[in-house]
Amino acid sequence: MLQIAKFLALALSILSLCALLGHAFFVPGSSWEDRLLDALAMLGLTGSICFASGMLFEIPNRKFDPEPTPRLTQTLPVRLFFWGVGVTAVMFVLSWFLAEYFVPMIWKNQPY
């Protein structure tokens, strides 16, 4: 039963990371500032889901486990959260830079 709960928690954390990407990049017709605020709000929700999943991953499989339990930051959902947030932040800053400084040079008839 614990393995099924771990699987569902991992799936939920991956889905919340996908929702974070959706709020950061795929909101048509909104400005970069609005996307940033939406992404920061979604970041809090994603972080809480991933850390709760990490706490579930800390539970040992057996009652008398000779191996020590991993730290919370060493569990798979929390590592996915850190990597996902890092990659999302780099892509967001890069896309913001390209949209502000590079696209106006190549697209002369902008709608705004």
C-alpha atoms as a PDB file:
ATOM      1  CA  MET A   1       0.000   0.000   0.000  1.00  0.00           C
ATOM      2  CA  LEU A   2       2.905   2.327   0.732  1.00  0.00           C
ATOM      3  CA  GLN A   3       4.335   1.749  -2.746  1.00  0.00           C
ATOM      4  CA  ILE A   4       1.055   2.811  -4.361  1.00  0.00           C
ATOM      5  CA  ALA A   5       0.942   5.940  -2.209  1.00  0.00           C
ATOM      6  CA  LYS A   6       4.522   6.763  -3.204  1.00  0.00           C
ATOM      7  CA  PHE A   7       3.678   6.290  -6.870  1.00  0.00           C
ATOM      8  CA  LEU A   8       0.613   8.530  -6.630  1.00  0.00           C
ATOM      9  CA  ALA A   9       2.578  11.177  -4.721  1.00  0.00           C
ATOM     10  CA  LEU A  10       5.330  11.146  -7.333  1.00  0.00           C
ATOM     11  CA  ALA A  11       2.781  11.398 -10.147  1.00  0.00           C
ATOM     12  CA  LEU A  12       1.080  14.315  -8.388  1.00  0.00           C
ATOM     13  CA  SER A  13       4.393  16.127  -7.942  1.00  0.00           C
ATOM     14  CA  ILE A  14       5.265  15.648 -11.630  1.00  0.00           C
ATOM     15  CA  LEU A  15       1.837  16.949 -12.651  1.00  0.00           C
ATOM     16  CA  SER A  16       2.258  19.988 -10.411  1.00  0.00           C
ATOM     17  CA  LEU A  17       5.634  20.708 -12.056  1.00  0.00           C
ATOM     18  CA  CYS A  18       3.920  20.520 -15.448  1.00  0.00           C
ATOM     19  CA  ALA A  19       1.289  22.960 -14.204  1.00  0.00           C
ATOM     20  CA  LEU A  20       4.089  25.270 -13.058  1.00  0.00           C
ATOM     21  CA  LEU A  21       5.513  25.245 -16.580  1.00  0.00           C
ATOM     22  CA  GLY A  22       2.073  25.937 -17.973  1.00  0.00           C
ATOM     23  CA  HIS A  23       1.583  28.960 -15.731  1.00  0.00           C
ATOM     24  CA  ALA A  24       5.065  30.271 -16.520  1.00  0.00           C
ATOM     25  CA  PHE A  25       4.980  29.980 -20.304  1.00  0.00           C
ATOM     26  CA  PHE A  26       1.648  29.024 -21.827  1.00  0.00           C
ATOM     27  CA  VAL A  27      -0.767  31.777 -20.797  1.00  0.00           C
ATOM     28  CA  PRO A  28      -1.651  33.528 -24.061  1.00  0.00           C
ATOM     29  CA  GLY A  29      -2.376  37.219 -24.039  1.00  0.00           C
ATOM     30  CA  SER A  30      -0.838  37.975 -20.653  1.00  0.00           C
ATOM     31  CA  SER A  31       2.171  40.110 -19.903  1.00  0.00           C
ATOM     32  CA  TRP A  32       5.436  38.792 -18.489  1.00  0.00           C
ATOM     33  CA  GLU A  33       4.712  40.314 -15.100  1.00  0.00           C
ATOM     34  CA  ASP A  34       1.371  38.516 -14.873  1.00  0.00           C
ATOM     35  CA  ARG A  35       3.000  35.249 -15.876  1.00  0.00           C
ATOM     36  CA  LEU A  36       5.680  35.754 -13.246  1.00  0.00           C
ATOM     37  CA  LEU A  37       3.104  36.312 -10.499  1.00  0.00           C
ATOM     38  CA  ASP A  38       1.089  33.282 -11.614  1.00  0.00           C
ATOM     39  CA  ALA A  39       4.242  31.173 -11.724  1.00  0.00           C
ATOM     40  CA  LEU A  40       5.294  32.299  -8.236  1.00  0.00           C
ATOM     41  CA  ALA A  41       1.882  31.391  -6.848  1.00  0.00           C
ATOM     42  CA  MET A  42       2.053  28.022  -8.564  1.00  0.00           C
ATOM     43  CA  LEU A  43       5.612  27.597  -7.269  1.00  0.00           C
ATOM     44  CA  GLY A  44       4.339  27.671  -3.691  1.00  0.00           C
ATOM     45  CA  LEU A  45       1.719  25.038  -4.438  1.00  0.00           C
ATOM     46  CA  THR A  46       4.207  22.865  -6.323  1.00  0.00           C
ATOM     47  CA  GLY A  47       6.740  23.153  -3.516  1.00  0.00           C
ATOM     48  CA  SER A  48       4.241  22.076  -0.903  1.00  0.00           C
ATOM     49  CA  ILE A  49       3.133  19.096  -3.000  1.00  0.00           C
ATOM     50  CA  CYS A  50       6.716  17.997  -3.716  1.00  0.00           C
ATOM     51  CA  PHE A  51       7.833  18.364  -0.100  1.00  0.00           C
ATOM     52  CA  ALA A  52       4.776  16.443   1.125  1.00  0.00           C
ATOM     53  CA  SER A  53       5.626  13.722  -1.382  1.00  0.00           C
ATOM     54  CA  GLY A  54       9.203  13.779  -0.121  1.00  0.00           C
ATOM     55  CA  MET A  55       7.983  13.201   3.414  1.00  0.00           C
ATOM     56  CA  LEU A  56       6.065  10.195   2.159  1.00  0.00           C
ATOM     57  CA  PHE A  57       9.222   8.917   0.465  1.00  0.00           C
ATOM     58  CA  GLU A  58      11.097   9.147   3.778  1.00  0.00           C
ATOM     59  CA  ILE A  59       8.937   6.436   5.330  1.00  0.00           C
ATOM     60  CA  PRO A  60      10.976   3.209   5.348  1.00  0.00           C
ATOM     61  CA  ASN A  61       9.606   0.118   3.619  1.00  0.00           C
ATOM     62  CA  ARG A  62      10.271  -2.247   6.515  1.00  0.00           C
ATOM     63  CA  LYS A  63       9.903  -1.772  10.227  1.00  0.00           C
ATOM     64  CA  PHE A  64      13.499  -2.747  11.000  1.00  0.00           C
ATOM     65  CA  ASP A  65      15.393  -1.227   8.103  1.00  0.00           C
ATOM     66  CA  PRO A  66      19.186  -1.406   8.542  1.00  0.00           C
ATOM     67  CA  GLU A  67      19.699   1.507   6.146  1.00  0.00           C
ATOM     68  CA  PRO A  68      19.094   5.005   7.491  1.00  0.00           C
ATOM     69  CA  THR A  69      16.244   6.932   5.941  1.00  0.00           C
ATOM     70  CA  PRO A  70      17.323   9.537   3.398  1.00  0.00           C
ATOM     71  CA  ARG A  71      17.112  13.202   4.244  1.00  0.00           C
ATOM     72  CA  LEU A  72      14.141  15.103   2.883  1.00  0.00           C
ATOM     73  CA  THR A  73      16.273  16.937   0.324  1.00  0.00           C
ATOM     74  CA  GLN A  74      17.617  13.618  -0.991  1.00  0.00           C
ATOM     75  CA  THR A  75      14.216  12.137  -1.891  1.00  0.00           C
ATOM     76  CA  LEU A  76      13.129  11.914  -5.522  1.00  0.00           C
ATOM     77  CA  PRO A  77      10.178  14.380  -5.472  1.00  0.00           C
ATOM     78  CA  VAL A  78      12.226  17.086  -3.764  1.00  0.00           C
ATOM     79  CA  ARG A  79      15.123  16.603  -6.178  1.00  0.00           C
ATOM     80  CA  LEU A  80      12.676  16.832  -9.078  1.00  0.00           C
ATOM     81  CA  PHE A  81      11.318  20.038  -7.560  1.00  0.00           C
ATOM     82  CA  PHE A  82      14.762  21.628  -7.247  1.00  0.00           C
ATOM     83  CA  TRP A  83      15.796  20.625 -10.766  1.00  0.00           C
ATOM     84  CA  GLY A  84      12.452  21.643 -12.254  1.00  0.00           C
ATOM     85  CA  VAL A  85      12.437  25.038 -10.565  1.00  0.00           C
ATOM     86  CA  GLY A  86      16.028  25.682 -11.601  1.00  0.00           C
ATOM     87  CA  VAL A  87      15.412  24.807 -15.243  1.00  0.00           C
ATOM     88  CA  THR A  88      12.138  26.745 -15.273  1.00  0.00           C
ATOM     89  CA  ALA A  89      13.817  29.840 -13.814  1.00  0.00           C
ATOM     90  CA  VAL A  90      16.617  29.749 -16.384  1.00  0.00           C
ATOM     91  CA  MET A  91      14.162  29.265 -19.255  1.00  0.00           C
ATOM     92  CA  PHE A  92      11.894  32.036 -17.943  1.00  0.00           C
ATOM     93  CA  VAL A  93      14.719  34.561 -17.661  1.00  0.00           C
ATOM     94  CA  LEU A  94      16.089  33.569 -21.070  1.00  0.00           C
ATOM     95  CA  SER A  95      12.691  33.833 -22.754  1.00  0.00           C
ATOM     96  CA  TRP A  96      12.016  37.179 -21.077  1.00  0.00           C
ATOM     97  CA  PHE A  97      15.386  38.490 -22.313  1.00  0.00           C
ATOM     98  CA  LEU A  98      14.805  37.237 -25.847  1.00  0.00           C
ATOM     99  CA  ALA A  99      11.278  38.663 -25.977  1.00  0.00           C
ATOM    100  CA  GLU A 100      12.391  42.081 -24.769  1.00  0.00           C
ATOM    101  CA  TYR A 101      15.657  42.554 -26.652  1.00  0.00           C
ATOM    102  CA  PHE A 102      15.887  40.126 -29.561  1.00  0.00           C
ATOM    103  CA  VAL A 103      12.362  39.794 -30.959  1.00  0.00           C
ATOM    104  CA  PRO A 104      11.922  43.569 -31.575  1.00  0.00           C
ATOM    105  CA  MET A 105      14.994  43.492 -33.834  1.00  0.00           C
ATOM    106  CA  ILE A 106      13.616  40.729 -36.048  1.00  0.00           C
ATOM    107  CA  TRP A 107       9.889  41.536 -35.912  1.00  0.00           C
ATOM    108  CA  LYS A 108       9.318  45.094 -37.097  1.00  0.00           C
ATOM    109  CA  ASN A 109       5.493  45.147 -37.200  1.00  0.00           C
ATOM    110  CA  GLN A 110       4.766  44.349 -33.579  1.00  0.00           C
ATOM    111  CA  PRO A 111       1.162  44.533 -32.358  1.00  0.00           C
ATOM    112  CA  TYR A 112       2.035  46.763 -29.374  1.00  0.00           C
END
